[in-house]
Protein backbone atom coordinates (compact mmCIF):
# COMPACT_ATOMS: atom_id res chain seq x y z
CA UNK A 1 93.99 20.87 149.40
CA UNK A 2 93.34 21.86 145.79
CA UNK A 3 93.29 24.82 143.45
CA UNK A 4 89.93 25.50 145.05
CA UNK A 5 91.93 27.40 147.68
CA UNK A 6 92.78 29.96 144.99
CA UNK A 7 89.14 30.33 143.98
CA UNK A 8 88.02 30.79 147.59
CA UNK A 9 90.68 33.45 148.18
CA UNK A 10 89.49 35.24 145.04
CA UNK A 11 85.87 35.02 146.22
CA UNK A 12 86.87 36.48 149.57
CA UNK A 13 88.66 39.34 147.80
CA UNK A 14 85.49 40.21 145.87
CA UNK A 15 83.45 40.56 149.05
CA UNK A 16 80.54 38.79 147.33
CA UNK A 17 78.40 36.21 149.09
CA UNK A 18 79.00 32.66 147.89
CA UNK A 19 78.26 29.05 148.70
CA UNK A 20 80.90 26.33 148.77
CA UNK A 21 80.27 22.78 147.62
CA UNK A 22 83.03 20.36 148.54
CA UNK A 23 83.76 17.62 146.00
CA UNK A 24 85.79 14.72 147.36
CA UNK A 25 88.74 12.99 145.78
CA UNK A 26 86.90 9.70 146.40
CA UNK A 27 85.57 9.59 142.85
CA UNK A 28 82.92 12.30 143.23
CA UNK A 29 84.79 14.47 140.71
CA UNK A 30 84.18 11.77 138.09
CA UNK A 31 80.50 11.41 138.93
CA UNK A 32 78.28 12.21 135.91
CA UNK A 33 76.59 15.06 137.78
CA UNK A 34 79.91 16.81 138.35
CA UNK A 35 81.25 15.95 134.89
CA UNK A 36 78.27 17.91 133.55
CA UNK A 37 79.75 20.93 135.35
CA UNK A 38 83.40 20.25 134.49
CA UNK A 39 84.04 17.49 131.93
CA UNK A 40 87.68 17.39 133.10
CA UNK A 41 86.48 16.13 136.48
CA UNK A 42 88.67 18.66 138.30
CA UNK A 43 88.08 21.38 140.86
CA UNK A 44 87.43 24.21 141.20
CA UNK A 45 84.40 25.13 139.15
CA UNK A 46 82.37 28.28 139.60
CA UNK A 47 78.67 28.65 138.91
CA UNK A 48 77.51 32.28 138.81
CA UNK A 49 73.92 32.47 137.70
CA UNK A 50 73.77 30.50 134.44
CA UNK A 51 77.51 30.85 133.83
CA UNK A 52 79.94 28.04 134.64
CA UNK A 53 83.65 28.79 134.70
CA UNK A 54 86.43 26.24 135.19
CA UNK A 55 90.21 26.65 135.19
CA UNK A 56 91.48 28.69 138.09
CA UNK A 57 92.99 31.57 136.12
CA UNK A 58 89.71 31.92 134.21
CA UNK A 59 87.78 31.92 137.49
CA UNK A 60 90.03 34.69 138.82
CA UNK A 61 89.63 36.78 135.66
CA UNK A 62 85.87 36.20 135.57
CA UNK A 63 85.40 37.21 139.20
CA UNK A 64 87.56 40.31 138.78
CA UNK A 65 85.36 41.38 135.85
CA UNK A 66 82.09 40.41 137.55
CA UNK A 67 82.82 42.41 140.69
CA UNK A 68 84.60 45.53 139.40
CA UNK A 69 84.07 47.47 142.64
CA UNK A 70 86.60 45.15 144.30
CA UNK A 71 89.31 46.62 142.02
CA UNK A 72 90.88 43.24 141.23
CA UNK A 73 91.58 44.08 137.58
CA UNK A 74 93.08 47.27 136.17
CA UNK A 75 91.02 49.37 133.76
CA UNK A 76 90.74 47.69 130.36
CA UNK A 77 93.22 50.08 128.74
CA UNK A 78 95.83 49.10 131.37
CA UNK A 79 95.43 45.32 131.29
CA UNK A 80 98.45 44.32 129.22
CA UNK A 81 100.69 43.43 132.17
CA UNK A 82 97.73 42.04 134.10
CA UNK A 83 96.85 39.54 131.36
CA UNK A 84 100.49 38.74 130.75
CA UNK A 85 101.22 37.75 134.33
CA UNK A 86 97.90 36.07 135.05
CA UNK A 87 98.35 33.77 132.07
CA UNK A 88 102.11 33.47 132.53
CA UNK A 89 101.33 31.74 135.83
CA UNK A 90 98.61 29.56 134.24
CA UNK A 91 100.82 28.56 131.32
CA UNK A 92 104.62 28.73 131.47
CA UNK A 93 104.98 28.78 135.26
CA UNK A 94 102.63 25.89 135.97
CA UNK A 95 103.91 23.78 133.07
CA UNK A 96 107.58 24.34 133.92
CA UNK A 97 107.12 23.63 137.63
CA UNK A 98 104.93 20.57 137.01
CA UNK A 99 107.30 19.06 134.45
CA UNK A 100 110.22 19.59 136.78
CA UNK A 101 108.39 18.14 139.80
CA UNK A 102 107.47 15.06 137.76
CA UNK A 103 111.07 14.61 136.63
CA UNK A 104 110.35 15.32 132.97
CA UNK A 105 113.51 16.25 131.13
CA UNK A 106 113.98 17.51 127.61
CA UNK A 107 117.07 17.81 125.45
CA UNK A 108 118.43 21.35 125.39
CA UNK A 109 117.92 21.55 121.63
CA UNK A 110 114.19 20.81 122.16
CA UNK A 111 113.54 23.65 124.65
CA UNK A 112 112.20 25.86 121.86
CA UNK A 113 109.24 23.49 121.55
CA UNK A 114 108.26 24.12 125.17
CA UNK A 115 106.07 27.13 125.84
CA UNK A 116 108.25 27.99 128.82
CA UNK A 117 111.70 27.16 127.41
CA UNK A 118 113.17 26.01 130.70
CA UNK A 119 112.33 26.10 134.38
CA UNK A 120 115.31 28.36 135.03
CA UNK A 121 114.23 30.87 132.36
CA UNK A 122 110.68 30.86 133.69
CA UNK A 123 111.72 31.44 137.29
CA UNK A 124 114.30 34.06 136.29
CA UNK A 125 111.65 35.95 134.30
CA UNK A 126 109.24 35.95 137.22
CA UNK A 127 111.95 36.92 139.69
CA UNK A 128 112.99 39.91 137.57
CA UNK A 129 109.37 41.06 137.42
CA UNK A 130 109.04 40.92 141.21
CA UNK A 131 112.30 42.51 142.32
CA UNK A 132 111.58 45.87 143.95
CA UNK A 133 107.86 45.69 143.10
CA UNK A 134 104.94 45.51 145.48
CA UNK A 135 102.51 44.26 142.82
CA UNK A 136 103.22 42.59 139.51
CA UNK A 137 100.77 44.20 137.10
CA UNK A 138 99.52 47.47 138.51
CA UNK A 139 100.02 49.94 141.34
CA UNK A 140 97.59 47.90 143.44
CA UNK A 141 96.71 44.27 144.19
CA UNK A 142 95.01 42.42 141.31
CA UNK A 143 93.87 38.91 140.49
CA UNK A 144 97.27 38.40 138.81
CA UNK A 145 98.98 38.95 142.17
CA UNK A 146 96.62 36.52 143.84
CA UNK A 147 97.18 33.82 141.25
CA UNK A 148 100.95 34.17 141.13
CA UNK A 149 101.37 34.34 144.90
CA UNK A 150 99.20 31.23 145.30
CA UNK A 151 101.46 29.35 142.87
CA UNK A 152 104.57 30.58 144.63
CA UNK A 153 103.18 29.68 148.05
CA UNK A 154 102.24 26.17 146.98
CA UNK A 155 105.47 25.59 145.08
CA UNK A 156 107.74 26.84 147.85
CA UNK A 157 105.80 24.84 150.46
CA UNK A 158 106.28 21.61 148.52
CA UNK A 159 109.77 22.34 147.21
CA UNK A 160 108.89 22.56 143.52
CA UNK A 161 109.80 26.28 143.43
CA UNK A 162 113.03 27.38 145.09
CA UNK A 163 112.51 29.99 147.82
CA UNK A 164 114.22 32.91 146.09
CA UNK A 165 114.16 36.09 148.21
CA UNK A 166 111.97 38.01 145.74
CA UNK A 167 109.46 35.13 145.73
CA UNK A 168 109.41 34.87 149.52
CA UNK A 169 108.98 38.60 150.08
CA UNK A 170 106.15 38.90 147.56
CA UNK A 171 104.28 35.76 148.60
CA UNK A 172 104.60 36.40 152.35
CA UNK A 173 103.28 39.96 152.01
CA UNK A 174 100.28 38.89 149.92
CA UNK A 175 99.45 35.97 152.22
CA UNK A 176 98.92 38.54 154.99
CA UNK A 177 95.91 40.04 153.18
CA UNK A 178 92.73 39.77 155.28
CA UNK A 179 90.84 38.00 152.47
CA UNK A 180 93.58 35.38 152.14
CA UNK A 181 93.65 34.80 155.90
CA UNK A 182 89.85 34.35 155.94
CA UNK A 183 89.96 32.01 152.94
CA UNK A 184 92.77 29.92 154.42
CA UNK A 185 90.91 29.56 157.73
CA UNK A 186 87.78 28.42 155.90
CA UNK A 187 89.76 25.99 153.75
CA UNK A 188 91.65 24.59 156.71
CA UNK A 189 88.38 24.07 158.59
CA UNK A 190 87.08 22.00 155.63
CA UNK A 191 90.02 19.59 155.71
CA UNK A 192 88.95 16.36 157.42
CA UNK A 193 90.80 15.58 160.64
CA UNK A 194 93.56 13.03 160.12
CA UNK A 195 93.37 10.10 162.50
C-alpha cells in the first residue's frame, strides 16, 4: 500500500521483465543499505542497470523513455502537455491534496505563495482538462495518464479527492487497462494477510 503500486503499474505497461523487492514499513526503509539507494528512506526506488531513480513521477518518465516501444510518452516535439500534466500531478495536485487531508489551512491572501494556489483551483484545473477527453496529454495513453489516474484513484478511495464525474469516468476507464489489472493483482498478493 504505497506509491510502489504506481511504479509496478508502469513496469507492467512497459512489458519489460523486472524483479520486485519489498521493503517493509517496520524500519527497513531507514536501514543504511536502503538509505544508500534512497536517502529519503521512501519507496519506490528503481534500479535499472547502474541507474537509480526515485520519486514516482521520475520513475514513470524514466521508464517511458527507457522503453519507447511501449509508447508511454509522446514524441519529444509533442511533450509539452505530457510534461505539464505529469508534473502537475507530482507538484500542485499532490501538495494541495496532502495539505487539505492534513488539515493545513492558509489565509486567502497567502495563496499566491502556494505552488497550487488552492485545492479548489487545482481540482477545477484538472477537471477542465479531463472533461470530454479520453487521455490528458496525447491521443493515446501515456505515463501522465497513469500517474494522474493513480492519484485520482487513491484520493477518491480515501476521500481526499471528491469523486467528480470527470475524475470517476477517467480513473475507472484507465483502471480497466490489462497492465493495471495485472499490477493490482500482484500488489494485492503481496499485502500480508490481516489477522
